[in-house]
PDB file of N, CA and C in Angstrom:
ATOM      1  N   MET A   1      -3.726  10.243 -10.599  1.00  0.00           N
ATOM      2  CA  MET A   1      -2.890   9.110 -10.398  1.00  0.00           C
ATOM      3  C   MET A   1      -1.433   9.645  -9.698  1.00  0.00           C
ATOM      4  N   LYS A   2      -1.019  10.802 -10.083  1.00  0.00           N
ATOM      5  CA  LYS A   2       0.190  11.345  -9.340  1.00  0.00           C
ATOM      6  C   LYS A   2      -0.133  11.564  -7.965  1.00  0.00           C
ATOM      7  N   ARG A   3      -1.322  12.068  -7.551  1.00  0.00           N
ATOM      8  CA  ARG A   3      -1.501  12.431  -6.128  1.00  0.00           C
ATOM      9  C   ARG A   3      -1.556  11.016  -5.367  1.00  0.00           C
ATOM     10  N   MET A   4      -2.304  10.031  -5.837  1.00  0.00           N
ATOM     11  CA  MET A   4      -2.299   8.876  -5.148  1.00  0.00           C
ATOM     12  C   MET A   4      -0.983   8.301  -5.009  1.00  0.00           C
ATOM     13  N   THR A   5       0.025   8.381  -6.121  1.00  0.00           N
ATOM     14  CA  THR A   5       1.298   7.827  -5.897  1.00  0.00           C
ATOM     15  C   THR A   5       1.869   8.670  -4.895  1.00  0.00           C
ATOM     16  N   ALA A   6       1.739   9.981  -4.648  1.00  0.00           N
ATOM     17  CA  ALA A   6       2.354  10.695  -3.656  1.00  0.00           C
ATOM     18  C   ALA A   6       1.907  10.405  -2.308  1.00  0.00           C
ATOM     19  N   ILE A   7       0.679  10.054  -2.115  1.00  0.00           N
ATOM     20  CA  ILE A   7       0.079   9.583  -0.866  1.00  0.00           C
ATOM     21  C   ILE A   7       0.683   8.350  -0.383  1.00  0.00           C
ATOM     22  N   LEU A   8       0.710   7.295  -1.418  1.00  0.00           N
ATOM     23  CA  LEU A   8       1.367   6.085  -1.044  1.00  0.00           C
ATOM     24  C   LEU A   8       2.928   6.138  -0.768  1.00  0.00           C
ATOM     25  N   LEU A   9       3.598   7.130  -1.409  1.00  0.00           N
ATOM     26  CA  LEU A   9       4.942   7.299  -1.084  1.00  0.00           C
ATOM     27  C   LEU A   9       5.228   7.899   0.136  1.00  0.00           C
ATOM     28  N   ALA A  10       4.375   8.815   0.410  1.00  0.00           N
ATOM     29  CA  ALA A  10       4.332   9.437   1.862  1.00  0.00           C
ATOM     30  C   ALA A  10       4.198   8.428   2.993  1.00  0.00           C
ATOM     31  N   LEU A  11       3.188   7.657   2.764  1.00  0.00           N
ATOM     32  CA  LEU A  11       2.891   6.520   3.811  1.00  0.00           C
ATOM     33  C   LEU A  11       4.033   5.680   3.918  1.00  0.00           C
ATOM     34  N   LEU A  12       4.700   5.333   2.812  1.00  0.00           N
ATOM     35  CA  LEU A  12       5.911   4.327   2.886  1.00  0.00           C
ATOM     36  C   LEU A  12       7.080   4.938   3.501  1.00  0.00           C
ATOM     37  N   THR A  13       7.159   6.326   3.575  1.00  0.00           N
ATOM     38  CA  THR A  13       8.336   6.884   4.204  1.00  0.00           C
ATOM     39  C   THR A  13       7.941   7.368   5.426  1.00  0.00           C
ATOM     40  N   MET A  14       6.992   7.298   6.035  1.00  0.00           N
ATOM     41  CA  MET A  14       6.537   7.828   7.377  1.00  0.00           C
ATOM     42  C   MET A  14       7.315   6.949   8.537  1.00  0.00           C
ATOM     43  N   ALA A  15       7.926   5.976   8.150  1.00  0.00           N
ATOM     44  CA  ALA A  15       8.599   5.205   9.079  1.00  0.00           C
ATOM     45  C   ALA A  15       9.547   6.149  10.049  1.00  0.00           C
ATOM     46  N   GLY A  16       9.870   7.245   9.470  1.00  0.00           N
ATOM     47  CA  GLY A  16      10.586   8.186  10.290  1.00  0.00           C
ATOM     48  C   GLY A  16      12.093   8.254   9.776  1.00  0.00           C
ATOM     49  N   SER A  17      13.094   7.351  10.242  1.00  0.00           N
ATOM     50  CA  SER A  17      14.436   7.637  10.061  1.00  0.00           C
ATOM     51  C   SER A  17      14.865   7.581   8.527  1.00  0.00           C
ATOM     52  N   ALA A  18      16.255   7.869   8.279  1.00  0.00           N
ATOM     53  CA  ALA A  18      16.486   7.545   6.804  1.00  0.00           C
ATOM     54  C   ALA A  18      16.556   6.096   6.476  1.00  0.00           C
ATOM     55  N   GLN A  19      16.409   5.295   7.303  1.00  0.00           N
ATOM     56  CA  GLN A  19      16.361   3.915   6.913  1.00  0.00           C
ATOM     57  C   GLN A  19      15.229   3.513   5.998  1.00  0.00           C
ATOM     58  N   ALA A  20      15.614   2.951   4.785  1.00  0.00           N
ATOM     59  CA  ALA A  20      14.578   2.657   3.725  1.00  0.00           C
ATOM     60  C   ALA A  20      13.801   1.215   4.124  1.00  0.00           C
ATOM     61  N   MET A  21      12.462   1.225   3.738  1.00  0.00           N
ATOM     62  CA  MET A  21      11.587   0.174   3.964  1.00  0.00           C
ATOM     63  C   MET A  21      11.812  -0.935   2.967  1.00  0.00           C
ATOM     64  N   THR A  22      11.829  -2.107   3.390  1.00  0.00           N
ATOM     65  CA  THR A  22      12.379  -3.193   2.621  1.00  0.00           C
ATOM     66  C   THR A  22      11.247  -4.274   2.728  1.00  0.00           C
ATOM     67  N   VAL A  23      10.791  -4.719   1.694  1.00  0.00           N
ATOM     68  CA  VAL A  23       9.678  -5.762   1.627  1.00  0.00           C
ATOM     69  C   VAL A  23      10.350  -7.004   0.891  1.00  0.00           C
ATOM     70  N   SER A  24       9.725  -8.100   1.462  1.00  0.00           N
ATOM     71  CA  SER A  24      10.298  -9.420   0.855  1.00  0.00           C
ATOM     72  C   SER A  24       9.845  -9.666  -0.690  1.00  0.00           C
ATOM     73  N   PRO A  25      10.469 -10.534  -1.331  1.00  0.00           N
ATOM     74  CA  PRO A  25      10.072 -10.767  -2.720  1.00  0.00           C
ATOM     75  C   PRO A  25       8.811 -11.284  -3.008  1.00  0.00           C
ATOM     76  N   LYS A  26       8.264 -11.980  -1.967  1.00  0.00           N
ATOM     77  CA  LYS A  26       6.796 -12.534  -2.254  1.00  0.00           C
ATOM     78  C   LYS A  26       5.802 -11.464  -2.115  1.00  0.00           C
ATOM     79  N   VAL A  27       6.104 -10.432  -1.276  1.00  0.00           N
ATOM     80  CA  VAL A  27       5.123  -9.370  -0.889  1.00  0.00           C
ATOM     81  C   VAL A  27       5.150  -8.233  -1.745  1.00  0.00           C
ATOM     82  N   GLY A  28       6.394  -7.881  -2.401  1.00  0.00           N
ATOM     83  CA  GLY A  28       6.571  -6.732  -3.311  1.00  0.00           C
ATOM     84  C   GLY A  28       5.588  -6.787  -4.360  1.00  0.00           C
ATOM     85  N   PRO A  29       5.595  -7.842  -5.201  1.00  0.00           N
ATOM     86  CA  PRO A  29       4.567  -7.939  -6.309  1.00  0.00           C
ATOM     87  C   PRO A  29       3.077  -7.725  -6.021  1.00  0.00           C
ATOM     88  N   LEU A  30       2.667  -8.173  -4.728  1.00  0.00           N
ATOM     89  CA  LEU A  30       1.414  -8.084  -4.432  1.00  0.00           C
ATOM     90  C   LEU A  30       1.100  -6.709  -3.915  1.00  0.00           C
ATOM     91  N   LEU A  31       2.017  -6.107  -3.436  1.00  0.00           N
ATOM     92  CA  LEU A  31       1.773  -4.540  -3.003  1.00  0.00           C
ATOM     93  C   LEU A  31       1.755  -3.730  -4.355  1.00  0.00           C
ATOM     94  N   LYS A  32       2.455  -4.192  -5.348  1.00  0.00           N
ATOM     95  CA  LYS A  32       2.361  -3.361  -6.581  1.00  0.00           C
ATOM     96  C   LYS A  32       0.939  -3.599  -7.106  1.00  0.00           C
ATOM     97  N   GLU A  33       0.423  -4.743  -7.183  1.00  0.00           N
ATOM     98  CA  GLU A  33      -0.952  -4.897  -7.688  1.00  0.00           C
ATOM     99  C   GLU A  33      -1.851  -4.255  -6.723  1.00  0.00           C
ATOM    100  N   ALA A  34      -1.762  -4.151  -5.377  1.00  0.00           N
ATOM    101  CA  ALA A  34      -2.750  -3.575  -4.615  1.00  0.00           C
ATOM    102  C   ALA A  34      -2.707  -1.918  -4.862  1.00  0.00           C
ATOM    103  N   GLN A  35      -1.563  -1.351  -5.220  1.00  0.00           N
ATOM    104  CA  GLN A  35      -1.248  -0.040  -5.441  1.00  0.00           C
ATOM    105  C   GLN A  35      -2.170   0.302  -6.748  1.00  0.00           C
ATOM    106  N   THR A  36      -1.986  -0.593  -7.673  1.00  0.00           N
ATOM    107  CA  THR A  36      -2.761  -0.354  -8.942  1.00  0.00           C
ATOM    108  C   THR A  36      -4.190  -0.330  -8.735  1.00  0.00           C
ATOM    109  N   LEU A  37      -4.667  -1.259  -7.911  1.00  0.00           N
ATOM    110  CA  LEU A  37      -6.061  -1.370  -7.520  1.00  0.00           C
ATOM    111  C   LEU A  37      -6.646  -0.137  -6.687  1.00  0.00           C
ATOM    112  N   ILE A  38      -5.683   0.257  -5.882  1.00  0.00           N
ATOM    113  CA  ILE A  38      -6.086   1.536  -5.140  1.00  0.00           C
ATOM    114  C   ILE A  38      -6.375   2.649  -6.068  1.00  0.00           C
ATOM    115  N   ALA A  39      -5.431   2.851  -7.071  1.00  0.00           N
ATOM    116  CA  ALA A  39      -5.480   3.952  -7.920  1.00  0.00           C
ATOM    117  C   ALA A  39      -6.679   3.747  -8.697  1.00  0.00           C
ATOM    118  N   ALA A  40      -7.214   2.544  -9.048  1.00  0.00           N
ATOM    119  CA  ALA A  40      -8.398   2.270  -9.849  1.00  0.00           C
ATOM    120  C   ALA A  40      -9.606   2.235  -8.881  1.00  0.00           C
ATOM    121  N   LYS A  41      -9.493   2.544  -7.643  1.00  0.00           N
ATOM    122  CA  LYS A  41     -10.492   2.629  -6.542  1.00  0.00           C
ATOM    123  C   LYS A  41     -11.163   1.325  -6.432  1.00  0.00           C
ATOM    124  N   ASP A  42     -10.642   0.239  -6.730  1.00  0.00           N
ATOM    125  CA  ASP A  42     -11.053  -0.977  -6.538  1.00  0.00           C
ATOM    126  C   ASP A  42     -10.496  -1.478  -5.182  1.00  0.00           C
ATOM    127  N   PHE A  43     -11.141  -0.901  -4.147  1.00  0.00           N
ATOM    128  CA  PHE A  43     -10.557  -1.176  -2.808  1.00  0.00           C
ATOM    129  C   PHE A  43     -10.902  -2.527  -2.350  1.00  0.00           C
ATOM    130  N   ARG A  44     -11.973  -3.103  -2.626  1.00  0.00           N
ATOM    131  CA  ARG A  44     -12.177  -4.492  -2.214  1.00  0.00           C
ATOM    132  C   ARG A  44     -11.079  -5.498  -2.779  1.00  0.00           C
ATOM    133  N   ALA A  45     -10.840  -5.230  -4.082  1.00  0.00           N
ATOM    134  CA  ALA A  45      -9.653  -6.287  -4.696  1.00  0.00           C
ATOM    135  C   ALA A  45      -8.252  -5.704  -4.007  1.00  0.00           C
ATOM    136  N   ALA A  46      -8.188  -4.481  -3.743  1.00  0.00           N
ATOM    137  CA  ALA A  46      -6.721  -4.265  -3.160  1.00  0.00           C
ATOM    138  C   ALA A  46      -6.717  -4.636  -1.709  1.00  0.00           C
ATOM    139  N   GLN A  47      -7.869  -4.826  -0.948  1.00  0.00           N
ATOM    140  CA  GLN A  47      -7.820  -5.380   0.403  1.00  0.00           C
ATOM    141  C   GLN A  47      -7.442  -6.977   0.138  1.00  0.00           C
ATOM    142  N   ALA A  48      -8.075  -7.666  -0.814  1.00  0.00           N
ATOM    143  CA  ALA A  48      -7.670  -8.869  -1.015  1.00  0.00           C
ATOM    144  C   ALA A  48      -6.335  -9.182  -1.306  1.00  0.00           C
ATOM    145  N   LYS A  49      -5.620  -8.288  -2.052  1.00  0.00           N
ATOM    146  CA  LYS A  49      -4.264  -8.334  -2.406  1.00  0.00           C
ATOM    147  C   LYS A  49      -3.301  -8.334  -1.193  1.00  0.00           C
ATOM    148  N   LEU A  50      -3.862  -7.195  -0.341  1.00  0.00           N
ATOM    149  CA  LEU A  50      -3.144  -7.070   0.995  1.00  0.00           C
ATOM    150  C   LEU A  50      -3.356  -8.339   1.937  1.00  0.00           C
ATOM    151  N   ASP A  51      -4.433  -9.062   1.859  1.00  0.00           N
ATOM    152  CA  ASP A  51      -4.611 -10.256   2.640  1.00  0.00           C
ATOM    153  C   ASP A  51      -3.643 -11.394   2.154  1.00  0.00           C
ATOM    154  N   GLU A  52      -3.346 -11.407   0.674  1.00  0.00           N
ATOM    155  CA  GLU A  52      -2.477 -12.247   0.165  1.00  0.00           C
ATOM    156  C   GLU A  52      -1.044 -12.014   0.554  1.00  0.00           C
ATOM    157  N   ALA A  53      -0.823 -10.734   0.657  1.00  0.00           N
ATOM    158  CA  ALA A  53       0.635 -10.341   1.102  1.00  0.00           C
ATOM    159  C   ALA A  53       0.836 -10.696   2.520  1.00  0.00           C
ATOM    160  N   GLU A  54      -0.259 -10.478   3.516  1.00  0.00           N
ATOM    161  CA  GLU A  54      -0.184 -10.787   4.971  1.00  0.00           C
ATOM    162  C   GLU A  54       0.126 -12.183   4.868  1.00  0.00           C
ATOM    163  N   ALA A  55      -0.477 -13.129   4.122  1.00  0.00           N
ATOM    164  CA  ALA A  55      -0.450 -14.598   4.324  1.00  0.00           C
ATOM    165  C   ALA A  55       0.933 -15.083   3.926  1.00  0.00           C
ATOM    166  N   VAL A  56       1.859 -14.273   3.065  1.00  0.00           N
ATOM    167  CA  VAL A  56       3.266 -14.681   2.821  1.00  0.00           C
ATOM    168  C   VAL A  56       4.357 -13.829   3.459  1.00  0.00           C
ATOM    169  N   LYS A  57       3.870 -12.926   4.242  1.00  0.00           N
ATOM    170  CA  LYS A  57       4.759 -11.915   4.700  1.00  0.00           C
ATOM    171  C   LYS A  57       5.948 -12.620   5.456  1.00  0.00           C
ATOM    172  N   SER A  58       7.208 -11.775   5.755  1.00  0.00           N
ATOM    173  CA  SER A  58       8.129 -12.395   6.431  1.00  0.00           C
ATOM    174  C   SER A  58       8.434 -11.529   7.581  1.00  0.00           C
ATOM    175  N   ASP A  59       8.722 -12.187   8.622  1.00  0.00           N
ATOM    176  CA  ASP A  59       8.947 -11.279   9.903  1.00  0.00           C
ATOM    177  C   ASP A  59      10.152 -10.592   9.914  1.00  0.00           C
ATOM    178  N   ALA A  60      11.032 -10.813   9.044  1.00  0.00           N
ATOM    179  CA  ALA A  60      12.515 -10.262   8.927  1.00  0.00           C
ATOM    180  C   ALA A  60      12.695  -9.048   8.323  1.00  0.00           C
ATOM    181  N   VAL A  61      11.644  -8.626   7.631  1.00  0.00           N
ATOM    182  CA  VAL A  61      11.508  -7.211   6.920  1.00  0.00           C
ATOM    183  C   VAL A  61      10.184  -6.368   7.267  1.00  0.00           C
ATOM    184  N   ASP A  62      10.330  -5.318   6.521  1.00  0.00           N
ATOM    185  CA  ASP A  62       9.062  -4.407   6.994  1.00  0.00           C
ATOM    186  C   ASP A  62       7.677  -4.820   6.297  1.00  0.00           C
ATOM    187  N   ASP A  63       7.522  -6.064   5.922  1.00  0.00           N
ATOM    188  CA  ASP A  63       6.364  -6.357   5.292  1.00  0.00           C
ATOM    189  C   ASP A  63       5.052  -5.868   6.071  1.00  0.00           C
ATOM    190  N   GLN A  64       4.875  -6.092   7.229  1.00  0.00           N
ATOM    191  CA  GLN A  64       3.841  -5.821   8.018  1.00  0.00           C
ATOM    192  C   GLN A  64       3.690  -4.255   8.143  1.00  0.00           C
ATOM    193  N   THR A  65       4.507  -3.574   8.281  1.00  0.00           N
ATOM    194  CA  THR A  65       4.491  -2.119   8.307  1.00  0.00           C
ATOM    195  C   THR A  65       3.927  -1.478   7.095  1.00  0.00           C
ATOM    196  N   VAL A  66       4.497  -2.015   5.946  1.00  0.00           N
ATOM    197  CA  VAL A  66       4.171  -1.568   4.518  1.00  0.00           C
ATOM    198  C   VAL A  66       2.664  -2.120   4.336  1.00  0.00           C
ATOM    199  N   ILE A  67       2.309  -3.176   4.607  1.00  0.00           N
ATOM    200  CA  ILE A  67       0.885  -3.660   4.432  1.00  0.00           C
ATOM    201  C   ILE A  67      -0.101  -2.784   5.232  1.00  0.00           C
ATOM    202  N   ASN A  68       0.298  -2.464   6.516  1.00  0.00           N
ATOM    203  CA  ASN A  68      -0.568  -1.717   7.254  1.00  0.00           C
ATOM    204  C   ASN A  68      -0.753  -0.194   6.709  1.00  0.00           C
ATOM    205  N   GLN A  69       0.386   0.196   6.019  1.00  0.00           N
ATOM    206  CA  GLN A  69       0.348   1.784   5.460  1.00  0.00           C
ATOM    207  C   GLN A  69      -0.633   1.566   4.264  1.00  0.00           C
ATOM    208  N   PHE A  70      -0.742   0.536   3.586  1.00  0.00           N
ATOM    209  CA  PHE A  70      -1.490   0.424   2.458  1.00  0.00           C
ATOM    210  C   PHE A  70      -2.966   0.348   2.914  1.00  0.00           C
ATOM    211  N   ARG A  71      -3.153  -0.317   3.919  1.00  0.00           N
ATOM    212  CA  ARG A  71      -4.558  -0.499   4.517  1.00  0.00           C
ATOM    213  C   ARG A  71      -4.913   0.870   4.994  1.00  0.00           C
ATOM    214  N   ARG A  72      -4.084   1.576   5.522  1.00  0.00           N
ATOM    215  CA  ARG A  72      -4.462   3.181   5.861  1.00  0.00           C
ATOM    216  C   ARG A  72      -4.779   3.960   4.689  1.00  0.00           C
ATOM    217  N   ALA A  73      -3.972   3.773   3.763  1.00  0.00           N
ATOM    218  CA  ALA A  73      -4.151   4.554   2.442  1.00  0.00           C
ATOM    219  C   ALA A  73      -5.606   4.220   1.901  1.00  0.00           C
ATOM    220  N   ILE A  74      -5.972   2.978   1.954  1.00  0.00           N
ATOM    221  CA  ILE A  74      -7.333   2.440   1.587  1.00  0.00           C
ATOM    222  C   ILE A  74      -8.315   3.153   2.243  1.00  0.00           C
ATOM    223  N   GLU A  75      -8.240   3.158   3.660  1.00  0.00           N
ATOM    224  CA  GLU A  75      -9.166   3.613   4.716  1.00  0.00           C
ATOM    225  C   GLU A  75      -9.332   5.112   4.312  1.00  0.00           C
ATOM    226  N   LEU A  76      -8.360   5.750   4.171  1.00  0.00           N
ATOM    227  CA  LEU A  76      -8.361   7.442   3.715  1.00  0.00           C
ATOM    228  C   LEU A  76      -9.208   7.458   2.586  1.00  0.00           C
ATOM    229  N   CYS A  77      -8.911   6.708   1.505  1.00  0.00           N
ATOM    230  CA  CYS A  77      -9.553   6.962   0.155  1.00  0.00           C
ATOM    231  C   CYS A  77     -11.103   6.678   0.366  1.00  0.00           C
ATOM    232  N   GLU A  78     -11.401   5.573   1.167  1.00  0.00           N
ATOM    233  CA  GLU A  78     -12.601   5.297   1.250  1.00  0.00           C
ATOM    234  C   GLU A  78     -13.596   6.299   2.069  1.00  0.00           C
ATOM    235  N   ASN A  79     -12.998   6.602   3.083  1.00  0.00           N
ATOM    236  CA  ASN A  79     -13.518   7.621   4.166  1.00  0.00           C
ATOM    237  C   ASN A  79     -13.649   9.036   3.616  1.00  0.00           C
ATOM    238  N   ASP A  80     -12.593   9.349   2.915  1.00  0.00           N
ATOM    239  CA  ASP A  80     -12.494  10.942   2.576  1.00  0.00           C
ATOM    240  C   ASP A  80     -12.956  11.077   1.219  1.00  0.00           C
ATOM    241  N   ASN A  81     -12.897  10.069   0.454  1.00  0.00           N
ATOM    242  CA  ASN A  81     -13.158   9.961  -0.917  1.00  0.00           C
ATOM    243  C   ASN A  81     -12.372  10.975  -1.699  1.00  0.00           C
ATOM    244  N   LYS A  82     -11.121  11.089  -1.291  1.00  0.00           N
ATOM    245  CA  LYS A  82     -10.146  12.024  -1.915  1.00  0.00           C
ATOM    246  C   LYS A  82      -9.124  11.385  -2.966  1.00  0.00           C
ATOM    247  N   CYS A  83      -9.383  10.139  -3.201  1.00  0.00           N
ATOM    248  CA  CYS A  83      -8.552   9.485  -4.167  1.00  0.00           C
ATOM    249  C   CYS A  83      -8.601  10.129  -5.527  1.00  0.00           C
ATOM    250  N   PRO A  84      -7.719  10.368  -6.138  1.00  0.00           N
ATOM    251  CA  PRO A  84      -7.657  11.116  -7.538  1.00  0.00           C
ATOM    252  C   PRO A  84      -8.134   9.899  -8.617  1.00  0.00           C
ATOM    253  N   THR A  85      -8.703  10.438  -9.539  1.00  0.00           N
ATOM    254  CA  THR A  85      -8.991   9.474 -10.812  1.00  0.00           C
ATOM    255  C   THR A  85      -7.713   9.651 -11.801  1.00  0.00           C
ATOM    256  N   GLN A  86      -7.633   8.810 -12.630  1.00  0.00           N
ATOM    257  CA  GLN A  86      -6.575   8.798 -13.501  1.00  0.00           C
ATOM    258  C   GLN A  86      -6.647  10.028 -14.371  1.00  0.00           C
ATOM    259  N   PRO A  87      -5.685  10.702 -14.862  1.00  0.00           N
ATOM    260  CA  PRO A  87      -5.790  11.841 -15.696  1.00  0.00           C
ATOM    261  C   PRO A  87      -6.144  11.547 -17.057  1.00  0.00           C
TER     262      PRO A  87
END
């Protein structure tokens, strides 16, 4: 679980500069649910949450970037099978 959290945090900070990523209030809770589902290796359900987040995203914040990073995390977990199990 700690390793998955580290992977997700790394993906979220890969945007480069010291500027923090900001997601809209509608997207935040959906990403939190997706993160929990990824940790549980329920990638299909996590993808569904990301689809929901994409449907309500705002263009004014970093919603799309963060959603894409979560999709990449799922892809890495599925392809490399390196997602940790819960301790």
